[in-house]
Each structure stands twice: as structure tokens, then as C-alpha cells.
């Protein structure tokens, strides 16, 4: 992976864990045949392609907050 792409992508997604997961999932999609969302005149690794998609704002993500009570807590708190 190109270091400059990583630094630029971190400006869009500062949390490195989220960035790594997003790149990983996108690379899997590209390996399975998804078409890249960016065009390039030079040949890039799939990781670099995913990073460029993030840099150019072609890929976004949402974080979901976990429920405060677990499914087990909900089960045991219900009445029979």
C-alpha cells in the first residue's frame, strides 16, 4: 500500500481501526468481482484502489451504537 494514500485516507477516517476494516471489506468485494469506483491510469493494488475510493469520498460508512442491554438481559427480564 502506498503510504501517501494511507495518510490521505486517515484524514477522511481518522480512526485507524475503522479504516483498516473498511479497506479490508472493500478489497474482498473487489476480489469477488465488484468494479472499482475510481479510474486510474496506473495499475494499483486492490488495497490502493480501496484507499483511493475512500479518499475521493466514493465509500462511506455508518457506526451503529450497541444496545445498552444484551439479548440475555432482555430474555431474563421478561415475564413468563
PDB file of N, CA and C in Angstrom:
ATOM      1  N   UNK A   1       0.834  -1.176   0.000  1.00  0.00           N
ATOM      2  CA  UNK A   1       0.000   0.000   0.000  1.00  0.00           C
ATOM      3  C   UNK A   1       0.879   1.240   0.000  1.00  0.00           C
ATOM      4  N   UNK A   2       0.379   2.221  -0.665  1.00  0.00           N
ATOM      5  CA  UNK A   2       1.133   3.466  -0.726  1.00  0.00           C
ATOM      6  C   UNK A   2       0.911   4.289   0.532  1.00  0.00           C
ATOM      7  N   UNK A   3       1.996   4.737   1.103  1.00  0.00           N
ATOM      8  CA  UNK A   3       1.959   5.493   2.359  1.00  0.00           C
ATOM      9  C   UNK A   3       1.176   6.796   2.206  1.00  0.00           C
ATOM     10  N   UNK A   4       1.317   7.468   1.070  1.00  0.00           N
ATOM     11  CA  UNK A   4       0.595   8.725   0.880  1.00  0.00           C
ATOM     12  C   UNK A   4      -0.911   8.510   0.821  1.00  0.00           C
ATOM     13  N   UNK A   5      -1.366   7.391   0.267  1.00  0.00           N
ATOM     14  CA  UNK A   5      -2.795   7.079   0.254  1.00  0.00           C
ATOM     15  C   UNK A   5      -3.310   6.826   1.665  1.00  0.00           C
ATOM     16  N   UNK A   6      -2.520   6.140   2.463  1.00  0.00           N
ATOM     17  CA  UNK A   6      -2.930   5.864   3.842  1.00  0.00           C
ATOM     18  C   UNK A   6      -3.096   7.168   4.617  1.00  0.00           C
ATOM     19  N   UNK A   7      -2.149   8.081   4.476  1.00  0.00           N
ATOM     20  CA  UNK A   7      -2.223   9.359   5.183  1.00  0.00           C
ATOM     21  C   UNK A   7      -3.421  10.177   4.727  1.00  0.00           C
ATOM     22  N   UNK A   8      -3.705  10.177   3.437  1.00  0.00           N
ATOM     23  CA  UNK A   8      -4.862  10.917   2.926  1.00  0.00           C
ATOM     24  C   UNK A   8      -6.169  10.288   3.389  1.00  0.00           C
ATOM     25  N   UNK A   9      -6.223   8.969   3.410  1.00  0.00           N
ATOM     26  CA  UNK A   9      -7.439   8.278   3.855  1.00  0.00           C
ATOM     27  C   UNK A   9      -7.674   8.508   5.340  1.00  0.00           C
ATOM     28  N   UNK A  10      -6.608   8.649   6.120  1.00  0.00           N
ATOM     29  CA  UNK A  10      -6.750   8.909   7.556  1.00  0.00           C
ATOM     30  C   UNK A  10      -7.334  10.290   7.815  1.00  0.00           C
ATOM     31  N   UNK A  11      -7.209  11.190   6.874  1.00  0.00           N
ATOM     32  CA  UNK A  11      -7.854  12.496   7.027  1.00  0.00           C
ATOM     33  C   UNK A  11      -9.365  12.349   6.904  1.00  0.00           C
ATOM     34  N   UNK A  12      -9.805  11.422   6.058  1.00  0.00           N
ATOM     35  CA  UNK A  12     -11.241  11.175   5.888  1.00  0.00           C
ATOM     36  C   UNK A  12     -11.782  10.318   7.023  1.00  0.00           C
ATOM     37  N   UNK A  13     -10.994   9.323   7.459  1.00  0.00           N
ATOM     38  CA  UNK A  13     -11.399   8.409   8.532  1.00  0.00           C
ATOM     39  C   UNK A  13     -10.248   8.326   9.528  1.00  0.00           C
ATOM     40  N   UNK A  14     -10.268   9.166  10.564  1.00  0.00           N
ATOM     41  CA  UNK A  14      -9.142   9.235  11.497  1.00  0.00           C
ATOM     42  C   UNK A  14      -8.921   7.971  12.339  1.00  0.00           C
ATOM     43  N   UNK A  15      -9.975   7.217  12.606  1.00  0.00           N
ATOM     44  CA  UNK A  15      -9.846   6.012  13.421  1.00  0.00           C
ATOM     45  C   UNK A  15      -9.223   4.904  12.563  1.00  0.00           C
ATOM     46  N   UNK A  16      -7.998   4.503  12.881  1.00  0.00           N
ATOM     47  CA  UNK A  16      -7.256   3.534  12.067  1.00  0.00           C
ATOM     48  C   UNK A  16      -7.942   2.174  12.036  1.00  0.00           C
ATOM     49  N   UNK A  17      -8.604   1.797  13.124  1.00  0.00           N
ATOM     50  CA  UNK A  17      -9.292   0.506  13.147  1.00  0.00           C
ATOM     51  C   UNK A  17     -10.450   0.479  12.156  1.00  0.00           C
ATOM     52  N   UNK A  18     -11.208   1.550  12.106  1.00  0.00           N
ATOM     53  CA  UNK A  18     -12.311   1.637  11.155  1.00  0.00           C
ATOM     54  C   UNK A  18     -11.772   1.657   9.733  1.00  0.00           C
ATOM     55  N   UNK A  19     -10.707   2.410   9.516  1.00  0.00           N
ATOM     56  CA  UNK A  19     -10.105   2.487   8.185  1.00  0.00           C
ATOM     57  C   UNK A  19      -9.643   1.111   7.716  1.00  0.00           C
ATOM     58  N   UNK A  20      -8.967   0.372   8.560  1.00  0.00           N
ATOM     59  CA  UNK A  20      -8.479  -0.961   8.198  1.00  0.00           C
ATOM     60  C   UNK A  20      -9.646  -1.883   7.863  1.00  0.00           C
ATOM     61  N   UNK A  21     -10.695  -1.860   8.676  1.00  0.00           N
ATOM     62  CA  UNK A  21     -11.852  -2.710   8.411  1.00  0.00           C
ATOM     63  C   UNK A  21     -12.547  -2.331   7.107  1.00  0.00           C
ATOM     64  N   UNK A  22     -12.663  -1.046   6.845  1.00  0.00           N
ATOM     65  CA  UNK A  22     -13.309  -0.590   5.625  1.00  0.00           C
ATOM     66  C   UNK A  22     -12.513  -1.011   4.390  1.00  0.00           C
ATOM     67  N   UNK A  23     -11.205  -0.840   4.438  1.00  0.00           N
ATOM     68  CA  UNK A  23     -10.350  -1.246   3.319  1.00  0.00           C
ATOM     69  C   UNK A  23     -10.427  -2.759   3.127  1.00  0.00           C
ATOM     70  N   UNK A  24     -10.375  -3.497   4.206  1.00  0.00           N
ATOM     71  CA  UNK A  24     -10.426  -4.957   4.132  1.00  0.00           C
ATOM     72  C   UNK A  24     -11.718  -5.444   3.478  1.00  0.00           C
ATOM     73  N   UNK A  25     -12.833  -4.887   3.899  1.00  0.00           N
ATOM     74  CA  UNK A  25     -14.117  -5.301   3.322  1.00  0.00           C
ATOM     75  C   UNK A  25     -14.224  -4.920   1.853  1.00  0.00           C
ATOM     76  N   UNK A  26     -13.723  -3.745   1.522  1.00  0.00           N
ATOM     77  CA  UNK A  26     -13.790  -3.320   0.118  1.00  0.00           C
ATOM     78  C   UNK A  26     -12.891  -4.186  -0.762  1.00  0.00           C
ATOM     79  N   UNK A  27     -11.719  -4.552  -0.284  1.00  0.00           N
ATOM     80  CA  UNK A  27     -10.821  -5.426  -1.038  1.00  0.00           C
ATOM     81  C   UNK A  27     -11.496  -6.767  -1.304  1.00  0.00           C
ATOM     82  N   UNK A  28     -12.203  -7.306  -0.324  1.00  0.00           N
ATOM     83  CA  UNK A  28     -12.937  -8.558  -0.525  1.00  0.00           C
ATOM     84  C   UNK A  28     -13.963  -8.407  -1.636  1.00  0.00           C
ATOM     85  N   UNK A  29     -14.664  -7.278  -1.650  1.00  0.00           N
ATOM     86  CA  UNK A  29     -15.651  -7.037  -2.697  1.00  0.00           C
ATOM     87  C   UNK A  29     -14.983  -6.961  -4.067  1.00  0.00           C
ATOM     88  N   UNK A  30     -13.847  -6.272  -4.140  1.00  0.00           N
ATOM     89  CA  UNK A  30     -13.130  -6.139  -5.411  1.00  0.00           C
ATOM     90  C   UNK A  30     -12.619  -7.495  -5.893  1.00  0.00           C
ATOM     91  N   UNK A  31     -12.138  -8.323  -4.974  1.00  0.00           N
ATOM     92  CA  UNK A  31     -11.669  -9.661  -5.355  1.00  0.00           C
ATOM     93  C   UNK A  31     -12.796 -10.523  -5.897  1.00  0.00           C
ATOM     94  N   UNK A  32     -14.006 -10.283  -5.406  1.00  0.00           N
ATOM     95  CA  UNK A  32     -15.167 -11.068  -5.851  1.00  0.00           C
ATOM     96  C   UNK A  32     -15.763 -10.530  -7.152  1.00  0.00           C
ATOM     97  N   UNK A  33     -15.179  -9.492  -7.693  1.00  0.00           N
ATOM     98  CA  UNK A  33     -15.613  -9.014  -8.994  1.00  0.00           C
ATOM     99  C   UNK A  33     -16.292  -7.666  -9.041  1.00  0.00           C
ATOM    100  N   UNK A  34     -16.427  -6.983  -7.912  1.00  0.00           N
ATOM    101  CA  UNK A  34     -17.008  -5.642  -7.931  1.00  0.00           C
ATOM    102  C   UNK A  34     -16.115  -4.711  -8.734  1.00  0.00           C
ATOM    103  N   UNK A  35     -16.735  -3.811  -9.445  1.00  0.00           N
ATOM    104  CA  UNK A  35     -15.958  -2.861 -10.249  1.00  0.00           C
ATOM    105  C   UNK A  35     -15.461  -1.724  -9.367  1.00  0.00           C
ATOM    106  N   UNK A  36     -14.244  -1.267  -9.607  1.00  0.00           N
ATOM    107  CA  UNK A  36     -13.719  -0.130  -8.843  1.00  0.00           C
ATOM    108  C   UNK A  36     -14.558   1.121  -9.084  1.00  0.00           C
ATOM    109  N   UNK A  37     -14.673   1.944  -8.070  1.00  0.00           N
ATOM    110  CA  UNK A  37     -15.440   3.177  -8.156  1.00  0.00           C
ATOM    111  C   UNK A  37     -14.586   4.361  -8.591  1.00  0.00           C
ATOM    112  N   UNK A  38     -13.306   4.118  -8.819  1.00  0.00           N
ATOM    113  CA  UNK A  38     -12.383   5.150  -9.305  1.00  0.00           C
ATOM    114  C   UNK A  38     -11.640   4.613 -10.513  1.00  0.00           C
ATOM    115  N   UNK A  39     -11.277   5.519 -11.390  1.00  0.00           N
ATOM    116  CA  UNK A  39     -10.480   5.132 -12.550  1.00  0.00           C
ATOM    117  C   UNK A  39      -9.041   5.570 -12.331  1.00  0.00           C
ATOM    118  N   UNK A  40      -8.124   4.813 -12.901  1.00  0.00           N
ATOM    119  CA  UNK A  40      -6.718   5.124 -12.737  1.00  0.00           C
ATOM    120  C   UNK A  40      -5.963   4.792 -14.012  1.00  0.00           C
ATOM    121  N   UNK A  41      -4.987   5.615 -14.330  1.00  0.00           N
ATOM    122  CA  UNK A  41      -4.146   5.362 -15.486  1.00  0.00           C
ATOM    123  C   UNK A  41      -3.024   4.394 -15.156  1.00  0.00           C
ATOM    124  N   UNK A  42      -2.708   4.263 -13.889  1.00  0.00           N
ATOM    125  CA  UNK A  42      -1.661   3.345 -13.464  1.00  0.00           C
ATOM    126  C   UNK A  42      -2.280   2.145 -12.764  1.00  0.00           C
ATOM    127  N   UNK A  43      -1.545   1.051 -12.710  1.00  0.00           N
ATOM    128  CA  UNK A  43      -2.039  -0.158 -12.065  1.00  0.00           C
ATOM    129  C   UNK A  43      -1.867  -0.040 -10.554  1.00  0.00           C
ATOM    130  N   UNK A  44      -2.945  -0.275  -9.815  1.00  0.00           N
ATOM    131  CA  UNK A  44      -2.908  -0.212  -8.353  1.00  0.00           C
ATOM    132  C   UNK A  44      -3.231  -1.577  -7.771  1.00  0.00           C
ATOM    133  N   UNK A  45      -2.680  -1.843  -6.586  1.00  0.00           N
ATOM    134  CA  UNK A  45      -3.121  -2.997  -5.812  1.00  0.00           C
ATOM    135  C   UNK A  45      -4.574  -2.742  -5.408  1.00  0.00           C
ATOM    136  N   UNK A  46      -5.276  -3.790  -5.041  1.00  0.00           N
ATOM    137  CA  UNK A  46      -6.662  -3.622  -4.624  1.00  0.00           C
ATOM    138  C   UNK A  46      -6.770  -2.753  -3.372  1.00  0.00           C
ATOM    139  N   UNK A  47      -5.785  -2.849  -2.496  1.00  0.00           N
ATOM    140  CA  UNK A  47      -5.779  -2.030  -1.284  1.00  0.00           C
ATOM    141  C   UNK A  47      -5.674  -0.550  -1.633  1.00  0.00           C
ATOM    142  N   UNK A  48      -4.808  -0.231  -2.592  1.00  0.00           N
ATOM    143  CA  UNK A  48      -4.657   1.158  -3.025  1.00  0.00           C
ATOM    144  C   UNK A  48      -5.928   1.667  -3.693  1.00  0.00           C
ATOM    145  N   UNK A  49      -6.584   0.814  -4.455  1.00  0.00           N
ATOM    146  CA  UNK A  49      -7.847   1.194  -5.083  1.00  0.00           C
ATOM    147  C   UNK A  49      -8.888   1.514  -4.019  1.00  0.00           C
ATOM    148  N   UNK A  50      -8.982   0.669  -2.992  1.00  0.00           N
ATOM    149  CA  UNK A  50      -9.930   0.910  -1.902  1.00  0.00           C
ATOM    150  C   UNK A  50      -9.601   2.214  -1.177  1.00  0.00           C
ATOM    151  N   UNK A  51      -8.331   2.470  -0.935  1.00  0.00           N
ATOM    152  CA  UNK A  51      -7.927   3.713  -0.273  1.00  0.00           C
ATOM    153  C   UNK A  51      -8.297   4.926  -1.129  1.00  0.00           C
ATOM    154  N   UNK A  52      -8.089   4.840  -2.433  1.00  0.00           N
ATOM    155  CA  UNK A  52      -8.458   5.953  -3.318  1.00  0.00           C
ATOM    156  C   UNK A  52      -9.963   6.184  -3.309  1.00  0.00           C
ATOM    157  N   UNK A  53     -10.734   5.118  -3.244  1.00  0.00           N
ATOM    158  CA  UNK A  53     -12.189   5.260  -3.180  1.00  0.00           C
ATOM    159  C   UNK A  53     -12.595   6.006  -1.906  1.00  0.00           C
ATOM    160  N   UNK A  54     -11.913   5.714  -0.810  1.00  0.00           N
ATOM    161  CA  UNK A  54     -12.189   6.399   0.450  1.00  0.00           C
ATOM    162  C   UNK A  54     -11.766   7.861   0.362  1.00  0.00           C
ATOM    163  N   UNK A  55     -10.592   8.111  -0.176  1.00  0.00           N
ATOM    164  CA  UNK A  55     -10.067   9.472  -0.298  1.00  0.00           C
ATOM    165  C   UNK A  55     -11.004  10.343  -1.130  1.00  0.00           C
ATOM    166  N   UNK A  56     -11.520   9.770  -2.219  1.00  0.00           N
ATOM    167  CA  UNK A  56     -12.381  10.532  -3.117  1.00  0.00           C
ATOM    168  C   UNK A  56     -13.838  10.573  -2.655  1.00  0.00           C
ATOM    169  N   UNK A  57     -14.122   9.979  -1.504  1.00  0.00           N
ATOM    170  CA  UNK A  57     -15.464  10.037  -0.953  1.00  0.00           C
ATOM    171  C   UNK A  57     -16.464   9.120  -1.630  1.00  0.00           C
ATOM    172  N   UNK A  58     -15.979   8.102  -2.328  1.00  0.00           N
ATOM    173  CA  UNK A  58     -16.875   7.170  -3.022  1.00  0.00           C
ATOM    174  C   UNK A  58     -17.421   6.093  -2.085  1.00  0.00           C
ATOM    175  N   UNK A  59     -16.761   5.907  -0.940  1.00  0.00           N
ATOM    176  CA  UNK A  59     -17.178   4.908   0.039  1.00  0.00           C
ATOM    177  C   UNK A  59     -17.437   5.632   1.358  1.00  0.00           C
ATOM    178  N   UNK A  60     -18.550   5.290   1.984  1.00  0.00           N
ATOM    179  CA  UNK A  60     -18.853   5.850   3.294  1.00  0.00           C
ATOM    180  C   UNK A  60     -19.210   4.712   4.246  1.00  0.00           C
ATOM    181  N   UNK A  61     -19.410   5.044   5.499  1.00  0.00           N
ATOM    182  CA  UNK A  61     -19.743   4.033   6.493  1.00  0.00           C
ATOM    183  C   UNK A  61     -20.608   4.661   7.570  1.00  0.00           C
ATOM    184  N   UNK A  62     -21.282   3.812   8.312  1.00  0.00           N
ATOM    185  CA  UNK A  62     -22.077   4.244   9.456  1.00  0.00           C
ATOM    186  C   UNK A  62     -21.704   3.405  10.657  1.00  0.00           C
ATOM    187  N   UNK A  63     -21.634   4.026  11.804  1.00  0.00           N
ATOM    188  CA  UNK A  63     -21.407   3.305  13.044  1.00  0.00           C
ATOM    189  C   UNK A  63     -22.745   3.141  13.746  1.00  0.00           C
ATOM    190  N   UNK A  64     -23.002   1.959  14.217  1.00  0.00           N
ATOM    191  CA  UNK A  64     -24.214   1.696  14.969  1.00  0.00           C
ATOM    192  C   UNK A  64     -23.855   1.533  16.438  1.00  0.00           C
ATOM    193  N   UNK A  65     -24.634   2.168  17.293  1.00  0.00           N
ATOM    194  CA  UNK A  65     -24.406   2.020  18.725  1.00  0.00           C
ATOM    195  C   UNK A  65     -25.045   0.730  19.186  1.00  0.00           C
ATOM    196  N   UNK A  66     -24.327   0.016  19.996  1.00  0.00           N
ATOM    197  CA  UNK A  66     -24.844  -1.245  20.536  1.00  0.00           C
ATOM    198  C   UNK A  66     -25.954  -0.938  21.528  1.00  0.00           C
ATOM    199  N   UNK A  67     -26.920  -1.834  21.609  1.00  0.00           N
ATOM    200  CA  UNK A  67     -27.995  -1.705  22.578  1.00  0.00           C
ATOM    201  C   UNK A  67     -27.403  -1.766  23.979  1.00  0.00           C
ATOM    202  N   UNK A  68     -27.925  -1.001  24.889  1.00  0.00           N
ATOM    203  CA  UNK A  68     -27.361  -0.964  26.240  1.00  0.00           C
ATOM    204  C   UNK A  68     -27.575  -2.265  27.001  1.00  0.00           C
ATOM    205  N   UNK A  69     -28.628  -2.991  26.681  1.00  0.00           N
ATOM    206  CA  UNK A  69     -28.861  -4.273  27.338  1.00  0.00           C
ATOM    207  C   UNK A  69     -28.628  -5.385  26.328  1.00  0.00           C
ATOM    208  N   UNK A  70     -28.033  -6.430  26.778  1.00  0.00           N
ATOM    209  CA  UNK A  70     -27.771  -7.552  25.882  1.00  0.00           C
ATOM    210  C   UNK A  70     -29.031  -8.378  25.699  1.00  0.00           C
ATOM    211  N   UNK A  71     -29.025  -9.273  24.731  1.00  0.00           N
ATOM    212  CA  UNK A  71     -30.166 -10.147  24.481  1.00  0.00           C
ATOM    213  C   UNK A  71     -30.427 -11.043  25.683  1.00  0.00           C
ATOM    214  N   UNK A  72     -29.382 -11.467  26.365  1.00  0.00           N
ATOM    215  CA  UNK A  72     -29.537 -12.311  27.553  1.00  0.00           C
ATOM    216  C   UNK A  72     -30.256 -11.533  28.644  1.00  0.00           C
ATOM    217  N   UNK A  73     -29.858 -10.278  28.877  1.00  0.00           N
ATOM    218  CA  UNK A  73     -30.520  -9.455  29.887  1.00  0.00           C
ATOM    219  C   UNK A  73     -31.991  -9.247  29.549  1.00  0.00           C
ATOM    220  N   UNK A  74     -32.287  -9.032  28.281  1.00  0.00           N
ATOM    221  CA  UNK A  74     -33.670  -8.837  27.867  1.00  0.00           C
ATOM    222  C   UNK A  74     -34.480 -10.107  28.085  1.00  0.00           C
ATOM    223  N   UNK A  75     -33.903 -11.258  27.831  1.00  0.00           N
ATOM    224  CA  UNK A  75     -34.604 -12.528  27.995  1.00  0.00           C
ATOM    225  C   UNK A  75     -34.969 -12.758  29.456  1.00  0.00           C
ATOM    226  N   UNK A  76     -34.005 -12.536  30.328  1.00  0.00           N
ATOM    227  CA  UNK A  76     -34.240 -12.811  31.751  1.00  0.00           C
ATOM    228  C   UNK A  76     -35.097 -11.749  32.421  1.00  0.00           C
ATOM    229  N   UNK A  77     -35.198 -10.584  31.835  1.00  0.00           N
ATOM    230  CA  UNK A  77     -36.023  -9.547  32.453  1.00  0.00           C
ATOM    231  C   UNK A  77     -37.482  -9.644  32.009  1.00  0.00           C
ATOM    232  N   UNK A  78     -37.769 -10.438  30.982  1.00  0.00           N
ATOM    233  CA  UNK A  78     -39.161 -10.575  30.540  1.00  0.00           C
ATOM    234  C   UNK A  78     -39.921 -11.505  31.470  1.00  0.00           C
ATOM    235  N   UNK A  79     -41.207 -11.277  31.525  1.00  0.00           N
ATOM    236  CA  UNK A  79     -42.056 -12.105  32.394  1.00  0.00           C
ATOM    237  C   UNK A  79     -42.509 -13.341  31.650  1.00  0.00           C
ATOM    238  N   UNK A  80     -42.641 -14.454  32.381  1.00  0.00           N
ATOM    239  CA  UNK A  80     -43.105 -15.710  31.769  1.00  0.00           C
ATOM    240  C   UNK A  80     -44.576 -15.842  31.939  1.00  0.00           C
TER     241      UNK A  80
END
